[in-house]
Amino acid sequence: MKVRYTKRAAAQIAAALDYVAAESPQGADRIRDRLQIVLMLLRDHPQAGRPTTRPGVRRLATHPYPYLIDYRVTDTEIIVQRFRHAARRPI
């Protein structure tokens, strides 16, 4: 299954990684690696995340890092819609 990012999600991921990289480039690399692992899990198990209150949207955490991925599953792809720090209010 293909993974696609919305422009919003791609910008949120880039901003989070840039923010962490300013203090710890290695930390940003570890978060990036964990994000790739989580997305590989989703390719094999698209229903791994828990349902949200928004119809058709699921959420998966990037443990041990405090980020949440909101995504939607179609017949052919996983669409990453949002990426945010768990302590931040949803927008």
PDB file of N, CA and C in Angstrom:
ATOM      1  N   MET A   1       0.846  -1.166   0.000  1.00  0.00           N
ATOM      2  CA  MET A   1       0.000   0.000   0.000  1.00  0.00           C
ATOM      3  C   MET A   1       0.896   1.234   0.000  1.00  0.00           C
ATOM      4  N   LYS A   2       0.503   2.228  -0.733  1.00  0.00           N
ATOM      5  CA  LYS A   2       1.270   3.462  -0.882  1.00  0.00           C
ATOM      6  C   LYS A   2       0.939   4.432   0.258  1.00  0.00           C
ATOM      7  N   VAL A   3       1.939   5.191   0.721  1.00  0.00           N
ATOM      8  CA  VAL A   3       1.732   6.232   1.718  1.00  0.00           C
ATOM      9  C   VAL A   3       1.897   7.577   1.025  1.00  0.00           C
ATOM     10  N   ARG A   4       0.916   8.439   1.225  1.00  0.00           N
ATOM     11  CA  ARG A   4       0.954   9.778   0.645  1.00  0.00           C
ATOM     12  C   ARG A   4       0.760  10.788   1.767  1.00  0.00           C
ATOM     13  N   TYR A   5       1.420  11.932   1.659  1.00  0.00           N
ATOM     14  CA  TYR A   5       1.316  12.987   2.660  1.00  0.00           C
ATOM     15  C   TYR A   5       0.557  14.162   2.065  1.00  0.00           C
ATOM     16  N   THR A   6      -0.325  14.772   2.848  1.00  0.00           N
ATOM     17  CA  THR A   6      -0.912  16.032   2.412  1.00  0.00           C
ATOM     18  C   THR A   6       0.172  17.095   2.532  1.00  0.00           C
ATOM     19  N   LYS A   7       0.000  18.220   1.867  1.00  0.00           N
ATOM     20  CA  LYS A   7       0.975  19.307   1.981  1.00  0.00           C
ATOM     21  C   LYS A   7       1.094  19.750   3.432  1.00  0.00           C
ATOM     22  N   ARG A   8      -0.030  19.792   4.106  1.00  0.00           N
ATOM     23  CA  ARG A   8      -0.055  20.207   5.508  1.00  0.00           C
ATOM     24  C   ARG A   8       0.778  19.257   6.370  1.00  0.00           C
ATOM     25  N   ALA A   9       0.580  17.959   6.205  1.00  0.00           N
ATOM     26  CA  ALA A   9       1.318  16.974   7.002  1.00  0.00           C
ATOM     27  C   ALA A   9       2.815  17.034   6.698  1.00  0.00           C
ATOM     28  N   ALA A  10       3.162  17.158   5.428  1.00  0.00           N
ATOM     29  CA  ALA A  10       4.579  17.235   5.058  1.00  0.00           C
ATOM     30  C   ALA A  10       5.228  18.460   5.702  1.00  0.00           C
ATOM     31  N   ALA A  11       4.521  19.592   5.708  1.00  0.00           N
ATOM     32  CA  ALA A  11       5.050  20.810   6.325  1.00  0.00           C
ATOM     33  C   ALA A  11       5.176  20.638   7.845  1.00  0.00           C
ATOM     34  N   GLN A  12       4.212  19.964   8.461  1.00  0.00           N
ATOM     35  CA  GLN A  12       4.265  19.745   9.906  1.00  0.00           C
ATOM     36  C   GLN A  12       5.428  18.836  10.288  1.00  0.00           C
ATOM     37  N   ILE A  13       5.667  17.806   9.501  1.00  0.00           N
ATOM     38  CA  ILE A  13       6.797  16.906   9.762  1.00  0.00           C
ATOM     39  C   ILE A  13       8.109  17.666   9.620  1.00  0.00           C
ATOM     40  N   ALA A  14       8.237  18.419   8.538  1.00  0.00           N
ATOM     41  CA  ALA A  14       9.468  19.182   8.304  1.00  0.00           C
ATOM     42  C   ALA A  14       9.706  20.184   9.429  1.00  0.00           C
ATOM     43  N   ALA A  15       8.664  20.871   9.864  1.00  0.00           N
ATOM     44  CA  ALA A  15       8.809  21.862  10.935  1.00  0.00           C
ATOM     45  C   ALA A  15       9.229  21.202  12.252  1.00  0.00           C
ATOM     46  N   ALA A  16       8.625  20.077  12.576  1.00  0.00           N
ATOM     47  CA  ALA A  16       8.973  19.374  13.818  1.00  0.00           C
ATOM     48  C   ALA A  16      10.425  18.895  13.775  1.00  0.00           C
ATOM     49  N   LEU A  17      10.833  18.322  12.659  1.00  0.00           N
ATOM     50  CA  LEU A  17      12.205  17.832  12.544  1.00  0.00           C
ATOM     51  C   LEU A  17      13.217  18.977  12.573  1.00  0.00           C
ATOM     52  N   ASP A  18      12.882  20.093  11.928  1.00  0.00           N
ATOM     53  CA  ASP A  18      13.766  21.261  11.956  1.00  0.00           C
ATOM     54  C   ASP A  18      13.905  21.799  13.379  1.00  0.00           C
ATOM     55  N   TYR A  19      12.801  21.836  14.103  1.00  0.00           N
ATOM     56  CA  TYR A  19      12.815  22.336  15.473  1.00  0.00           C
ATOM     57  C   TYR A  19      13.719  21.471  16.352  1.00  0.00           C
ATOM     58  N   VAL A  20      13.563  20.169  16.259  1.00  0.00           N
ATOM     59  CA  VAL A  20      14.383  19.258  17.063  1.00  0.00           C
ATOM     60  C   VAL A  20      15.845  19.314  16.612  1.00  0.00           C
ATOM     61  N   ALA A  21      16.067  19.391  15.301  1.00  0.00           N
ATOM     62  CA  ALA A  21      17.433  19.400  14.766  1.00  0.00           C
ATOM     63  C   ALA A  21      18.230  20.617  15.229  1.00  0.00           C
ATOM     64  N   ALA A  22      17.539  21.719  15.510  1.00  0.00           N
ATOM     65  CA  ALA A  22      18.240  22.916  15.980  1.00  0.00           C
ATOM     66  C   ALA A  22      18.947  22.657  17.301  1.00  0.00           C
ATOM     67  N   GLU A  23      18.399  21.792  18.125  1.00  0.00           N
ATOM     68  CA  GLU A  23      19.008  21.444  19.414  1.00  0.00           C
ATOM     69  C   GLU A  23      19.764  20.120  19.363  1.00  0.00           C
ATOM     70  N   SER A  24      19.254  19.186  18.550  1.00  0.00           N
ATOM     71  CA  SER A  24      19.841  17.847  18.522  1.00  0.00           C
ATOM     72  C   SER A  24      19.651  17.201  17.146  1.00  0.00           C
ATOM     73  N   PRO A  25      20.634  17.339  16.276  1.00  0.00           N
ATOM     74  CA  PRO A  25      20.508  16.690  14.964  1.00  0.00           C
ATOM     75  C   PRO A  25      20.301  15.175  15.081  1.00  0.00           C
ATOM     76  N   GLN A  26      20.954  14.546  16.057  1.00  0.00           N
ATOM     77  CA  GLN A  26      20.787  13.109  16.246  1.00  0.00           C
ATOM     78  C   GLN A  26      19.359  12.791  16.693  1.00  0.00           C
ATOM     79  N   GLY A  27      18.802  13.649  17.529  1.00  0.00           N
ATOM     80  CA  GLY A  27      17.422  13.465  17.962  1.00  0.00           C
ATOM     81  C   GLY A  27      16.457  13.537  16.792  1.00  0.00           C
ATOM     82  N   ALA A  28      16.681  14.479  15.896  1.00  0.00           N
ATOM     83  CA  ALA A  28      15.832  14.595  14.703  1.00  0.00           C
ATOM     84  C   ALA A  28      15.969  13.353  13.828  1.00  0.00           C
ATOM     85  N   ASP A  29      17.190  12.833  13.712  1.00  0.00           N
ATOM     86  CA  ASP A  29      17.399  11.607  12.929  1.00  0.00           C
ATOM     87  C   ASP A  29      16.644  10.430  13.539  1.00  0.00           C
ATOM     88  N   ARG A  30      16.649  10.351  14.868  1.00  0.00           N
ATOM     89  CA  ARG A  30      15.942   9.255  15.538  1.00  0.00           C
ATOM     90  C   ARG A  30      14.429   9.365  15.346  1.00  0.00           C
ATOM     91  N   ILE A  31      13.914  10.577  15.408  1.00  0.00           N
ATOM     92  CA  ILE A  31      12.482  10.772  15.180  1.00  0.00           C
ATOM     93  C   ILE A  31      12.133  10.417  13.740  1.00  0.00           C
ATOM     94  N   ARG A  32      12.959  10.845  12.797  1.00  0.00           N
ATOM     95  CA  ARG A  32      12.732  10.525  11.372  1.00  0.00           C
ATOM     96  C   ARG A  32      12.743   9.010  11.158  1.00  0.00           C
ATOM     97  N   ASP A  33      13.703   8.322  11.788  1.00  0.00           N
ATOM     98  CA  ASP A  33      13.777   6.861  11.668  1.00  0.00           C
ATOM     99  C   ASP A  33      12.529   6.200  12.252  1.00  0.00           C
ATOM    100  N   ARG A  34      12.084   6.688  13.409  1.00  0.00           N
ATOM    101  CA  ARG A  34      10.890   6.109  14.033  1.00  0.00           C
ATOM    102  C   ARG A  34       9.652   6.353  13.169  1.00  0.00           C
ATOM    103  N   LEU A  35       9.561   7.522  12.583  1.00  0.00           N
ATOM    104  CA  LEU A  35       8.439   7.836  11.694  1.00  0.00           C
ATOM    105  C   LEU A  35       8.410   6.864  10.511  1.00  0.00           C
ATOM    106  N   GLN A  36       9.558   6.572   9.950  1.00  0.00           N
ATOM    107  CA  GLN A  36       9.621   5.612   8.837  1.00  0.00           C
ATOM    108  C   GLN A  36       9.183   4.222   9.283  1.00  0.00           C
ATOM    109  N   ILE A  37       9.588   3.816  10.472  1.00  0.00           N
ATOM    110  CA  ILE A  37       9.181   2.505  10.994  1.00  0.00           C
ATOM    111  C   ILE A  37       7.674   2.444  11.196  1.00  0.00           C
ATOM    112  N   VAL A  38       7.118   3.498  11.767  1.00  0.00           N
ATOM    113  CA  VAL A  38       5.671   3.537  12.000  1.00  0.00           C
ATOM    114  C   VAL A  38       4.923   3.485  10.665  1.00  0.00           C
ATOM    115  N   LEU A  39       5.410   4.194   9.676  1.00  0.00           N
ATOM    116  CA  LEU A  39       4.738   4.193   8.372  1.00  0.00           C
ATOM    117  C   LEU A  39       4.863   2.838   7.673  1.00  0.00           C
ATOM    118  N   MET A  40       5.971   2.132   7.883  1.00  0.00           N
ATOM    119  CA  MET A  40       6.077   0.770   7.347  1.00  0.00           C
ATOM    120  C   MET A  40       5.058  -0.140   8.022  1.00  0.00           C
ATOM    121  N   LEU A  41       4.868   0.034   9.330  1.00  0.00           N
ATOM    122  CA  LEU A  41       3.847  -0.724  10.050  1.00  0.00           C
ATOM    123  C   LEU A  41       2.470  -0.452   9.449  1.00  0.00           C
ATOM    124  N   LEU A  42       2.182   0.809   9.172  1.00  0.00           N
ATOM    125  CA  LEU A  42       0.883   1.148   8.596  1.00  0.00           C
ATOM    126  C   LEU A  42       0.678   0.528   7.216  1.00  0.00           C
ATOM    127  N   ARG A  43       1.731   0.439   6.427  1.00  0.00           N
ATOM    128  CA  ARG A  43       1.596  -0.198   5.105  1.00  0.00           C
ATOM    129  C   ARG A  43       1.107  -1.637   5.241  1.00  0.00           C
ATOM    130  N   ASP A  44       1.609  -2.332   6.241  1.00  0.00           N
ATOM    131  CA  ASP A  44       1.224  -3.729   6.444  1.00  0.00           C
ATOM    132  C   ASP A  44      -0.056  -3.875   7.260  1.00  0.00           C
ATOM    133  N   HIS A  45      -0.312  -2.916   8.136  1.00  0.00           N
ATOM    134  CA  HIS A  45      -1.470  -2.986   9.045  1.00  0.00           C
ATOM    135  C   HIS A  45      -2.154  -1.617   9.090  1.00  0.00           C
ATOM    136  N   PRO A  46      -2.875  -1.258   8.039  1.00  0.00           N
ATOM    137  CA  PRO A  46      -3.439   0.088   7.959  1.00  0.00           C
ATOM    138  C   PRO A  46      -4.436   0.433   9.065  1.00  0.00           C
ATOM    139  N   GLN A  47      -4.989  -0.548   9.705  1.00  0.00           N
ATOM    140  CA  GLN A  47      -5.956  -0.274  10.777  1.00  0.00           C
ATOM    141  C   GLN A  47      -5.290  -0.242  12.151  1.00  0.00           C
ATOM    142  N   ALA A  48      -3.977  -0.165  12.211  1.00  0.00           N
ATOM    143  CA  ALA A  48      -3.244  -0.215  13.478  1.00  0.00           C
ATOM    144  C   ALA A  48      -3.577   0.956  14.400  1.00  0.00           C
ATOM    145  N   GLY A  49      -3.864   2.101  13.827  1.00  0.00           N
ATOM    146  CA  GLY A  49      -4.193   3.264  14.648  1.00  0.00           C
ATOM    147  C   GLY A  49      -5.598   3.171  15.205  1.00  0.00           C
ATOM    148  N   ARG A  50      -5.862   4.007  16.187  1.00  0.00           N
ATOM    149  CA  ARG A  50      -7.202   4.004  16.770  1.00  0.00           C
ATOM    150  C   ARG A  50      -8.084   5.025  16.044  1.00  0.00           C
ATOM    151  N   PRO A  51      -9.369   4.769  15.968  1.00  0.00           N
ATOM    152  CA  PRO A  51     -10.276   5.726  15.322  1.00  0.00           C
ATOM    153  C   PRO A  51     -10.323   7.042  16.108  1.00  0.00           C
ATOM    154  N   THR A  52     -10.518   8.131  15.409  1.00  0.00           N
ATOM    155  CA  THR A  52     -10.700   9.436  16.043  1.00  0.00           C
ATOM    156  C   THR A  52     -12.181   9.807  15.962  1.00  0.00           C
ATOM    157  N   THR A  53     -12.503  10.973  16.430  1.00  0.00           N
ATOM    158  CA  THR A  53     -13.891  11.429  16.341  1.00  0.00           C
ATOM    159  C   THR A  53     -14.246  11.881  14.925  1.00  0.00           C
ATOM    160  N   ARG A  54     -13.246  12.083  14.084  1.00  0.00           N
ATOM    161  CA  ARG A  54     -13.504  12.454  12.686  1.00  0.00           C
ATOM    162  C   ARG A  54     -13.715  11.192  11.865  1.00  0.00           C
ATOM    163  N   PRO A  55     -14.797  11.121  11.131  1.00  0.00           N
ATOM    164  CA  PRO A  55     -15.105   9.908  10.357  1.00  0.00           C
ATOM    165  C   PRO A  55     -13.974   9.521   9.400  1.00  0.00           C
ATOM    166  N   GLY A  56     -13.558   8.260   9.488  1.00  0.00           N
ATOM    167  CA  GLY A  56     -12.552   7.720   8.581  1.00  0.00           C
ATOM    168  C   GLY A  56     -11.121   8.057   8.923  1.00  0.00           C
ATOM    169  N   VAL A  57     -10.904   8.839   9.965  1.00  0.00           N
ATOM    170  CA  VAL A  57      -9.544   9.243  10.337  1.00  0.00           C
ATOM    171  C   VAL A  57      -9.095   8.413  11.532  1.00  0.00           C
ATOM    172  N   ARG A  58      -7.877   7.888  11.430  1.00  0.00           N
ATOM    173  CA  ARG A  58      -7.281   7.086  12.502  1.00  0.00           C
ATOM    174  C   ARG A  58      -6.043   7.814  13.010  1.00  0.00           C
ATOM    175  N   ARG A  59      -5.605   7.467  14.212  1.00  0.00           N
ATOM    176  CA  ARG A  59      -4.440   8.112  14.834  1.00  0.00           C
ATOM    177  C   ARG A  59      -3.498   7.056  15.371  1.00  0.00           C
ATOM    178  N   LEU A  60      -2.205   7.303  15.152  1.00  0.00           N
ATOM    179  CA  LEU A  60      -1.178   6.404  15.649  1.00  0.00           C
ATOM    180  C   LEU A  60      -0.071   7.234  16.289  1.00  0.00           C
ATOM    181  N   ALA A  61       0.388   6.808  17.452  1.00  0.00           N
ATOM    182  CA  ALA A  61       1.477   7.489  18.158  1.00  0.00           C
ATOM    183  C   ALA A  61       2.820   6.947  17.683  1.00  0.00           C
ATOM    184  N   THR A  62       3.849   7.757  17.832  1.00  0.00           N
ATOM    185  CA  THR A  62       5.204   7.374  17.409  1.00  0.00           C
ATOM    186  C   THR A  62       6.076   7.063  18.623  1.00  0.00           C
ATOM    187  N   HIS A  63       5.564   6.283  19.537  1.00  0.00           N
ATOM    188  CA  HIS A  63       6.301   5.958  20.759  1.00  0.00           C
ATOM    189  C   HIS A  63       7.698   5.465  20.429  1.00  0.00           C
ATOM    190  N   PRO A  64       8.699   5.885  21.154  1.00  0.00           N
ATOM    191  CA  PRO A  64       8.694   6.612  22.416  1.00  0.00           C
ATOM    192  C   PRO A  64       8.655   8.132  22.247  1.00  0.00           C
ATOM    193  N   TYR A  65       8.514   8.614  21.033  1.00  0.00           N
ATOM    194  CA  TYR A  65       8.488  10.057  20.798  1.00  0.00           C
ATOM    195  C   TYR A  65       7.054  10.557  20.869  1.00  0.00           C
ATOM    196  N   PRO A  66       6.867  11.777  21.374  1.00  0.00           N
ATOM    197  CA  PRO A  66       5.512  12.260  21.650  1.00  0.00           C
ATOM    198  C   PRO A  66       4.816  12.906  20.448  1.00  0.00           C
ATOM    199  N   TYR A  67       4.772  12.188  19.346  1.00  0.00           N
ATOM    200  CA  TYR A  67       4.112  12.719  18.152  1.00  0.00           C
ATOM    201  C   TYR A  67       2.953  11.811  17.758  1.00  0.00           C
ATOM    202  N   LEU A  68       1.958  12.432  17.146  1.00  0.00           N
ATOM    203  CA  LEU A  68       0.770  11.712  16.689  1.00  0.00           C
ATOM    204  C   LEU A  68       0.628  11.885  15.190  1.00  0.00           C
ATOM    205  N   ILE A  69       0.236  10.809  14.533  1.00  0.00           N
ATOM    206  CA  ILE A  69      -0.004  10.821  13.098  1.00  0.00           C
ATOM    207  C   ILE A  69      -1.484  10.557  12.880  1.00  0.00           C
ATOM    208  N   ASP A  70      -2.161  11.486  12.206  1.00  0.00           N
ATOM    209  CA  ASP A  70      -3.551  11.270  11.809  1.00  0.00           C
ATOM    210  C   ASP A  70      -3.539  10.881  10.342  1.00  0.00           C
ATOM    211  N   TYR A  71      -4.276   9.845  10.009  1.00  0.00           N
ATOM    212  CA  TYR A  71      -4.259   9.347   8.630  1.00  0.00           C
ATOM    213  C   TYR A  71      -5.609   8.776   8.246  1.00  0.00           C
ATOM    214  N   ARG A  72      -5.800   8.656   6.952  1.00  0.00           N
ATOM    215  CA  ARG A  72      -7.011   8.076   6.378  1.00  0.00           C
ATOM    216  C   ARG A  72      -6.578   6.934   5.460  1.00  0.00           C
ATOM    217  N   VAL A  73      -7.338   5.867   5.448  1.00  0.00           N
ATOM    218  CA  VAL A  73      -7.023   4.698   4.622  1.00  0.00           C
ATOM    219  C   VAL A  73      -8.030   4.616   3.478  1.00  0.00           C
ATOM    220  N   THR A  74      -7.519   4.466   2.254  1.00  0.00           N
ATOM    221  CA  THR A  74      -8.374   4.204   1.100  1.00  0.00           C
ATOM    222  C   THR A  74      -8.060   2.798   0.605  1.00  0.00           C
ATOM    223  N   ASP A  75      -8.658   2.402  -0.494  1.00  0.00           N
ATOM    224  CA  ASP A  75      -8.383   1.078  -1.049  1.00  0.00           C
ATOM    225  C   ASP A  75      -6.940   0.929  -1.526  1.00  0.00           C
ATOM    226  N   THR A  76      -6.317   2.030  -1.919  1.00  0.00           N
ATOM    227  CA  THR A  76      -4.989   1.942  -2.526  1.00  0.00           C
ATOM    228  C   THR A  76      -3.881   2.660  -1.763  1.00  0.00           C
ATOM    229  N   GLU A  77      -4.242   3.503  -0.801  1.00  0.00           N
ATOM    230  CA  GLU A  77      -3.196   4.284  -0.143  1.00  0.00           C
ATOM    231  C   GLU A  77      -3.567   4.684   1.276  1.00  0.00           C
ATOM    232  N   ILE A  78      -2.534   5.091   1.996  1.00  0.00           N
ATOM    233  CA  ILE A  78      -2.680   5.680   3.316  1.00  0.00           C
ATOM    234  C   ILE A  78      -2.326   7.144   3.151  1.00  0.00           C
ATOM    235  N   ILE A  79      -3.229   8.016   3.557  1.00  0.00           N
ATOM    236  CA  ILE A  79      -3.018   9.451   3.406  1.00  0.00           C
ATOM    237  C   ILE A  79      -2.734  10.041   4.784  1.00  0.00           C
ATOM    238  N   VAL A  80      -1.493  10.470   4.989  1.00  0.00           N
ATOM    239  CA  VAL A  80      -1.117  11.107   6.248  1.00  0.00           C
ATOM    240  C   VAL A  80      -1.641  12.534   6.179  1.00  0.00           C
ATOM    241  N   GLN A  81      -2.541  12.863   7.109  1.00  0.00           N
ATOM    242  CA  GLN A  81      -3.207  14.158   7.074  1.00  0.00           C
ATOM    243  C   GLN A  81      -2.636  15.166   8.051  1.00  0.00           C
ATOM    244  N   ARG A  82      -2.095  14.674   9.157  1.00  0.00           N
ATOM    245  CA  ARG A  82      -1.592  15.591  10.165  1.00  0.00           C
ATOM    246  C   ARG A  82      -0.502  14.906  10.984  1.00  0.00           C
ATOM    247  N   PHE A  83       0.457  15.706  11.435  1.00  0.00           N
ATOM    248  CA  PHE A  83       1.535  15.248  12.300  1.00  0.00           C
ATOM    249  C   PHE A  83       1.713  16.328  13.347  1.00  0.00           C
ATOM    250  N   ARG A  84       1.592  15.958  14.617  1.00  0.00           N
ATOM    251  CA  ARG A  84       1.727  16.974  15.660  1.00  0.00           C
ATOM    252  C   ARG A  84       2.284  16.380  16.937  1.00  0.00           C
ATOM    253  N   HIS A  85       2.839  17.260  17.751  1.00  0.00           N
ATOM    254  CA  HIS A  85       3.312  16.881  19.081  1.00  0.00           C
ATOM    255  C   HIS A  85       2.085  16.592  19.928  1.00  0.00           C
ATOM    256  N   ALA A  86       2.145  15.557  20.731  1.00  0.00           N
ATOM    257  CA  ALA A  86       0.989  15.137  21.528  1.00  0.00           C
ATOM    258  C   ALA A  86       0.560  16.189  22.550  1.00  0.00           C
ATOM    259  N   ALA A  87       1.466  17.053  22.978  1.00  0.00           N
ATOM    260  CA  ALA A  87       1.124  18.069  23.967  1.00  0.00           C
ATOM    261  C   ALA A  87       0.432  19.284  23.347  1.00  0.00           C
ATOM    262  N   ARG A  88       0.449  19.383  22.026  1.00  0.00           N
ATOM    263  CA  ARG A  88      -0.176  20.526  21.368  1.00  0.00           C
ATOM    264  C   ARG A  88      -1.661  20.274  21.152  1.00  0.00           C
ATOM    265  N   ARG A  89      -2.417  21.333  21.223  1.00  0.00           N
ATOM    266  CA  ARG A  89      -3.841  21.245  20.961  1.00  0.00           C
ATOM    267  C   ARG A  89      -4.080  20.940  19.483  1.00  0.00           C
ATOM    268  N   PRO A  90      -5.034  20.091  19.192  1.00  0.00           N
ATOM    269  CA  PRO A  90      -5.370  19.853  17.776  1.00  0.00           C
ATOM    270  C   PRO A  90      -5.878  21.151  17.142  1.00  0.00           C
ATOM    271  N   ILE A  91      -5.530  21.324  15.882  1.00  0.00           N
ATOM    272  CA  ILE A  91      -5.986  22.521  15.162  1.00  0.00           C
ATOM    273  C   ILE A  91      -7.094  22.124  14.199  1.00  0.00           C
TER     274      ILE A  91
END
